[in-house]
Amino acid sequence: MYSHIPVMLPEVLKYLQPKKGENIFDGTLGGANYSLAIAKAVGPSGRVFSTDLDLLAIDNAKERAKIEGVNNISLIHDNFGKLAEIAEKHGPFDGAVFDLGLSSAQLDDQDRGFSFQGDRPLSMSFSQDSAENEETENILRYYSLHELTDIFRLYGDEPKAYFAAKLIVEYRKKKVIKTTGDLLEALAPILKGHHRTNPATRIFQALRIATNGEFKNLENALAALPQALKPGARVIFVSFHSGEDRIVKNYFRQESTDCICPSSFLRCVCGHKKTLKIITKKPLIPSEQESEENPRARSSKLRAAIRV
């Protein structure tokens, strides 16, 4: 069993407002802190439906729930991108929360390559499926110079995306990149003398997002919200990446207005009706104290809305 420091838990509970007897969806179980806190808030007559592709998270949540005497959490071994199917079976829900970050346990897992500390197998899949575990290695082995550049630029905001991709293409001519150590060796020329954020942080992040199709899964979950949530239900997203936050922000903006026709149209022809009311005019960020106590929370942003 492992422990994980939840990001902005008081703020999540404040905006989610879970009540006795409600059914809440937790899209990213992780360390189970959100799920456990919500399960206690909804009480025995309510239920939390929590998804995670990582069996490490599922097993950990079982142990924690047993120790804390919580028995109203349904653990679903799946991706939150399948929200439409999950809601069809268990919903619609009275609320939903999505923490889009990694857990400390995943970063510390020596059998996977989420962190560039040490020399680990280059597996960045959330799933323990053997085929998916090879996806990161396949990306580095077979993707073209331009494909790698796009991944580092779009998913990592890496200013030297092309240079990083070129280094990898040249390195793999001599040696297959199989471990985090191999990747760091390939990227060595751009890791020297960096300021502030280590470029390896952005590149590892980009590879993880590409490996797991995280942006696509987020878009699928957002598209499913109108059918997955009851009217009046609250939904919370906690993101750690500017691209993820942008996707959520743009979706909230679109779904909080009736007409989404281009401004050049003289009259509405789309027939779109708003499905959300935004309740965070600006994204919430962690307090200075939380950022100091949990440095991994520094980049997080919280957005919330109500299903109308």
Protein backbone atom coordinates (compact mmCIF):
# COMPACT_ATOMS: atom_id res chain seq x y z
CA MET A 1 0.00 0.00 0.00
CA TYR A 2 1.26 3.50 -0.81
CA SER A 3 0.34 7.05 0.14
CA HIS A 4 -0.15 9.97 -2.25
CA ILE A 5 -0.66 13.65 -1.48
CA PRO A 6 -3.90 14.76 -3.18
CA VAL A 7 -3.88 18.08 -5.01
CA MET A 8 -6.37 20.74 -3.84
CA LEU A 9 -8.59 18.20 -2.05
CA PRO A 10 -10.43 20.86 0.05
CA GLU A 11 -11.15 22.85 -3.12
CA VAL A 12 -12.36 19.74 -4.95
CA LEU A 13 -14.82 18.96 -2.15
CA LYS A 14 -15.92 22.60 -1.95
CA TYR A 15 -16.84 22.79 -5.63
CA LEU A 16 -18.09 19.21 -5.99
CA GLN A 17 -20.36 19.49 -2.93
CA PRO A 18 -21.03 15.73 -2.56
CA LYS A 19 -24.19 14.97 -0.57
CA LYS A 20 -25.54 11.93 1.26
CA GLY A 21 -26.95 9.32 -1.10
CA GLU A 22 -25.34 10.68 -4.27
CA ASN A 23 -23.50 8.65 -6.90
CA ILE A 24 -20.23 10.31 -7.92
CA PHE A 25 -17.80 9.41 -10.71
CA ASP A 26 -14.05 9.65 -10.02
CA GLY A 27 -12.38 9.36 -13.40
CA THR A 28 -8.84 8.98 -12.09
CA LEU A 29 -8.60 6.86 -8.95
CA GLY A 30 -4.83 7.27 -8.49
CA GLY A 31 -3.94 7.23 -4.80
CA ALA A 32 -7.68 7.01 -3.93
CA ASN A 33 -7.69 10.17 -1.80
CA TYR A 34 -10.50 11.85 -3.75
CA SER A 35 -12.52 8.63 -3.87
CA LEU A 36 -12.20 7.96 -0.14
CA ALA A 37 -13.08 11.53 0.84
CA ILE A 38 -16.10 11.57 -1.49
CA ALA A 39 -17.23 8.10 -0.36
CA LYS A 40 -17.32 9.32 3.24
CA ALA A 41 -19.24 12.43 2.20
CA VAL A 42 -21.96 10.54 0.27
CA GLY A 43 -22.28 7.95 3.04
CA PRO A 44 -23.48 4.34 2.89
CA SER A 45 -26.52 5.28 0.81
CA GLY A 46 -24.31 6.84 -1.86
CA ARG A 47 -21.59 5.39 -4.05
CA VAL A 48 -18.37 6.38 -5.81
CA PHE A 49 -17.52 4.81 -9.17
CA SER A 50 -13.76 5.08 -9.67
CA THR A 51 -11.82 4.18 -12.80
CA ASP A 52 -8.14 3.56 -13.38
CA LEU A 53 -6.18 1.57 -15.95
CA ASP A 54 -3.40 1.00 -13.45
CA LEU A 55 -3.86 -2.19 -11.42
CA LEU A 56 -1.41 -0.76 -8.88
CA ALA A 57 -3.99 1.94 -8.12
CA ILE A 58 -6.89 -0.55 -8.01
CA ASP A 59 -5.10 -2.87 -5.56
CA ASN A 60 -3.96 0.05 -3.41
CA ALA A 61 -7.51 1.45 -3.22
CA LYS A 62 -8.86 -1.93 -2.10
CA GLU A 63 -6.39 -2.01 0.79
CA ARG A 64 -6.99 1.59 1.82
CA ALA A 65 -10.78 1.23 1.67
CA LYS A 66 -10.59 -1.91 3.83
CA ILE A 67 -8.38 -0.23 6.43
CA GLU A 68 -10.59 2.89 6.57
CA GLY A 69 -13.81 0.87 6.67
CA VAL A 70 -15.15 2.32 3.41
CA ASN A 71 -17.28 -0.07 1.37
CA ASN A 72 -19.17 2.19 -1.03
CA ILE A 73 -16.55 2.51 -3.77
CA SER A 74 -16.91 0.54 -7.01
CA LEU A 75 -13.49 0.10 -8.61
CA ILE A 76 -13.56 -0.07 -12.41
CA HIS A 77 -10.45 -1.21 -14.26
CA ASP A 78 -10.83 1.02 -17.31
CA ASN A 79 -10.01 4.43 -18.76
CA PHE A 80 -12.16 7.49 -18.06
CA GLY A 81 -12.28 7.98 -21.82
CA LYS A 82 -14.92 5.24 -21.73
CA LEU A 83 -17.21 7.49 -19.66
CA ALA A 84 -20.10 7.10 -22.12
CA GLU A 85 -20.15 3.32 -21.67
CA ILE A 86 -19.56 3.52 -17.92
CA ALA A 87 -22.39 6.03 -17.44
CA GLU A 88 -24.73 3.89 -19.52
CA LYS A 89 -24.17 1.06 -17.03
CA HIS A 90 -23.83 2.96 -13.72
CA GLY A 91 -25.06 6.52 -14.33
CA PRO A 92 -26.13 9.16 -14.80
CA PHE A 93 -24.03 10.61 -11.99
CA ASP A 94 -24.66 13.37 -9.44
CA GLY A 95 -21.12 14.66 -9.91
CA ALA A 96 -17.74 13.85 -11.39
CA VAL A 97 -14.08 14.65 -10.76
CA PHE A 98 -11.00 14.09 -12.93
CA ASP A 99 -7.45 14.47 -11.61
CA LEU A 100 -5.35 14.35 -14.77
CA GLY A 101 -1.96 13.98 -13.06
CA LEU A 102 0.28 11.08 -12.12
CA SER A 103 0.39 9.54 -8.67
CA SER A 104 3.60 9.53 -6.65
CA ALA A 105 3.59 5.74 -6.81
CA GLN A 106 3.62 5.79 -10.60
CA LEU A 107 6.54 8.22 -10.65
CA ASP A 108 8.41 6.09 -8.11
CA ASP A 109 7.66 2.74 -9.80
CA GLN A 110 11.05 1.25 -10.75
CA ASP A 111 9.41 -1.06 -13.32
CA ARG A 112 8.15 1.83 -15.43
CA GLY A 113 9.70 4.90 -16.99
CA PHE A 114 7.50 7.79 -15.89
CA SER A 115 10.46 9.43 -14.15
CA PHE A 116 13.94 10.02 -15.53
CA GLN A 117 15.50 9.34 -12.13
CA GLY A 118 17.60 6.18 -12.39
CA ASP A 119 17.71 3.73 -15.28
CA ARG A 120 14.30 2.10 -15.77
CA PRO A 121 12.43 0.16 -18.46
CA LEU A 122 11.02 2.64 -20.97
CA SER A 123 7.37 1.80 -20.31
CA MET A 124 5.03 4.75 -19.79
CA SER A 125 1.72 2.94 -20.18
CA PHE A 126 -0.85 3.27 -17.42
CA SER A 127 -1.98 -0.25 -18.26
CA GLN A 128 -0.08 -3.40 -17.37
CA ASP A 129 -0.99 -4.93 -20.74
CA SER A 130 2.22 -6.33 -22.28
CA ALA A 131 1.54 -4.92 -25.76
CA GLU A 132 0.80 -1.43 -24.43
CA ASN A 133 3.93 -1.56 -22.27
CA GLU A 134 5.99 -1.53 -25.48
CA GLU A 135 4.27 1.54 -26.95
CA THR A 136 6.78 4.13 -25.67
CA GLU A 137 9.70 2.13 -27.00
CA ASN A 138 7.93 1.74 -30.36
CA ILE A 139 7.33 5.50 -30.60
CA LEU A 140 11.03 6.19 -30.10
CA ARG A 141 12.06 3.37 -32.42
CA TYR A 142 9.76 3.89 -35.40
CA TYR A 143 8.26 7.39 -35.42
CA SER A 144 9.68 9.78 -38.01
CA LEU A 145 11.62 12.94 -37.27
CA HIS A 146 8.54 15.07 -37.92
CA GLU A 147 6.24 12.83 -35.85
CA LEU A 148 8.59 12.99 -32.87
CA THR A 149 8.92 16.74 -33.28
CA ASP A 150 5.13 17.12 -33.19
CA ILE A 151 4.87 14.99 -30.03
CA PHE A 152 7.50 17.00 -28.17
CA ARG A 153 6.07 20.32 -29.33
CA LEU A 154 2.34 19.61 -28.88
CA TYR A 155 2.45 17.45 -25.75
CA GLY A 156 5.57 18.80 -24.04
CA ASP A 157 5.72 22.46 -25.09
CA GLU A 158 9.40 21.75 -25.73
CA PRO A 159 11.08 24.76 -27.46
CA LYS A 160 13.82 22.50 -28.85
CA ALA A 161 11.40 19.84 -30.10
CA TYR A 162 13.04 19.45 -33.51
CA PHE A 163 16.54 19.24 -32.02
CA ALA A 164 15.39 16.63 -29.47
CA ALA A 165 13.71 14.56 -32.20
CA LYS A 166 16.83 14.77 -34.37
CA LEU A 167 19.03 13.57 -31.51
CA ILE A 168 16.78 10.54 -31.01
CA VAL A 169 16.72 9.68 -34.73
CA GLU A 170 20.52 9.84 -34.86
CA TYR A 171 21.00 7.87 -31.64
CA ARG A 172 18.67 5.01 -32.64
CA LYS A 173 20.81 4.34 -35.72
CA LYS A 174 23.45 3.05 -33.32
CA LYS A 175 21.41 1.69 -30.44
CA VAL A 176 17.79 0.80 -29.64
CA ILE A 177 16.38 3.11 -26.95
CA LYS A 178 15.03 0.64 -24.38
CA THR A 179 15.54 2.35 -21.01
CA THR A 180 15.20 5.81 -19.50
CA GLY A 181 18.98 5.87 -19.29
CA ASP A 182 19.25 5.30 -23.06
CA LEU A 183 16.82 8.16 -23.68
CA LEU A 184 18.74 10.53 -21.42
CA GLU A 185 21.97 9.55 -23.17
CA ALA A 186 20.40 10.33 -26.53
CA LEU A 187 19.17 13.72 -25.30
CA ALA A 188 22.40 14.63 -23.47
CA PRO A 189 23.29 17.62 -25.72
CA ILE A 190 20.11 19.52 -24.78
CA LEU A 191 20.15 18.56 -21.10
CA LYS A 192 23.34 20.46 -20.32
CA GLY A 193 23.14 23.91 -18.78
CA HIS A 194 19.35 24.06 -18.75
CA HIS A 195 17.60 26.72 -16.72
CA ARG A 196 14.62 26.09 -14.45
CA THR A 197 12.65 23.16 -15.92
CA ASN A 198 14.77 20.25 -17.10
CA PRO A 199 13.98 19.55 -20.79
CA ALA A 200 13.77 15.86 -19.88
CA THR A 201 10.68 16.67 -17.82
CA ARG A 202 8.86 18.00 -20.88
CA ILE A 203 10.02 15.22 -23.18
CA PHE A 204 9.08 12.44 -20.74
CA GLN A 205 5.70 14.10 -20.24
CA ALA A 206 5.13 14.29 -23.99
CA LEU A 207 5.99 10.62 -24.47
CA ARG A 208 3.66 9.60 -21.63
CA ILE A 209 0.77 11.59 -23.14
CA ALA A 210 1.40 10.10 -26.59
CA THR A 211 1.76 6.57 -25.20
CA ASN A 212 -1.59 6.68 -23.42
CA GLY A 213 -3.55 8.84 -25.87
CA GLU A 214 -4.36 11.13 -22.95
CA PHE A 215 -5.68 14.10 -24.93
CA LYS A 216 -8.03 11.88 -26.95
CA ASN A 217 -9.33 10.17 -23.80
CA LEU A 218 -9.94 13.57 -22.22
CA GLU A 219 -11.87 14.74 -25.29
CA ASN A 220 -13.97 11.54 -25.22
CA ALA A 221 -14.81 12.05 -21.54
CA LEU A 222 -15.78 15.67 -22.10
CA ALA A 223 -18.02 14.75 -25.03
CA ALA A 224 -19.81 12.21 -22.82
CA LEU A 225 -20.54 14.65 -19.96
CA PRO A 226 -24.01 15.85 -21.12
CA GLN A 227 -25.36 12.29 -21.03
CA ALA A 228 -23.25 11.07 -18.11
CA LEU A 229 -24.32 13.78 -15.62
CA LYS A 230 -27.71 14.59 -14.12
CA PRO A 231 -28.99 18.18 -14.34
CA GLY A 232 -27.43 20.09 -11.45
CA ALA A 233 -24.43 17.73 -11.27
CA ARG A 234 -21.04 19.34 -10.72
CA VAL A 235 -17.90 18.37 -12.61
CA ILE A 236 -14.30 19.16 -11.60
CA PHE A 237 -11.13 18.89 -13.67
CA VAL A 238 -7.66 19.21 -12.15
CA SER A 239 -5.05 19.46 -14.90
CA PHE A 240 -1.25 19.67 -14.83
CA HIS A 241 -0.51 20.39 -18.48
CA SER A 242 -1.32 23.52 -20.48
CA GLY A 243 -2.69 21.41 -23.33
CA GLU A 244 -5.09 19.53 -21.07
CA ASP A 245 -6.23 22.74 -19.40
CA ARG A 246 -6.80 24.32 -22.83
CA ILE A 247 -8.98 21.39 -23.93
CA VAL A 248 -11.10 21.66 -20.76
CA LYS A 249 -11.32 25.47 -20.97
CA ASN A 250 -12.41 25.42 -24.62
CA TYR A 251 -14.99 22.70 -23.99
CA PHE A 252 -16.42 24.56 -20.99
CA ARG A 253 -16.60 27.75 -23.04
CA GLN A 254 -18.38 25.98 -25.91
CA GLU A 255 -20.85 24.13 -23.70
CA SER A 256 -21.72 27.20 -21.59
CA THR A 257 -23.29 29.05 -24.55
CA ASP A 258 -26.26 28.31 -26.79
CA CYS A 259 -25.08 29.29 -30.25
CA ILE A 260 -21.65 28.19 -31.46
CA CYS A 261 -22.03 29.41 -35.04
CA PRO A 262 -19.14 31.47 -36.51
CA SER A 263 -19.49 35.18 -35.80
CA SER A 264 -19.84 35.83 -39.54
CA PHE A 265 -23.23 34.04 -39.57
CA LEU A 266 -26.20 36.45 -39.50
CA ARG A 267 -28.39 34.00 -37.60
CA CYS A 268 -27.96 30.77 -35.66
CA VAL A 269 -28.15 27.60 -37.71
CA CYS A 270 -26.35 25.23 -35.31
CA GLY A 271 -29.21 24.66 -32.87
CA HIS A 272 -26.72 24.11 -30.09
CA LYS A 273 -28.00 24.46 -26.51
CA LYS A 274 -25.70 25.00 -23.56
CA THR A 275 -25.14 22.05 -21.23
CA LEU A 276 -22.82 23.62 -18.65
CA LYS A 277 -22.58 26.64 -16.37
CA ILE A 278 -19.01 27.56 -15.49
CA ILE A 279 -18.50 28.20 -11.76
CA THR A 280 -14.77 29.02 -11.83
CA LYS A 281 -14.33 32.23 -13.84
CA LYS A 282 -10.59 31.68 -13.63
CA PRO A 283 -8.89 28.37 -12.88
CA LEU A 284 -7.99 27.78 -9.24
CA ILE A 285 -4.35 27.16 -8.41
CA PRO A 286 -2.83 25.69 -5.24
CA SER A 287 -2.00 27.94 -2.32
CA GLU A 288 1.62 28.90 -1.72
CA GLN A 289 1.64 26.62 1.31
CA GLU A 290 0.40 23.61 -0.68
CA SER A 291 2.91 24.27 -3.47
CA GLU A 292 5.72 24.40 -0.93
CA GLU A 293 4.58 21.24 0.84
CA ASN A 294 3.84 19.37 -2.42
CA PRO A 295 5.98 20.71 -5.31
CA ARG A 296 4.19 18.38 -7.76
CA ALA A 297 1.04 20.46 -7.24
CA ARG A 298 2.59 23.70 -8.52
CA SER A 299 1.45 23.40 -12.14
CA SER A 300 -2.10 22.25 -11.34
CA LYS A 301 -5.25 24.14 -12.30
CA LEU A 302 -8.82 23.40 -11.22
CA ARG A 303 -11.88 24.19 -13.33
CA ALA A 304 -15.47 23.45 -12.33
CA ALA A 305 -18.89 23.60 -13.95
CA ILE A 306 -22.53 22.59 -13.33
CA ARG A 307 -24.63 20.48 -15.71
CA VAL A 308 -27.69 22.54 -16.68
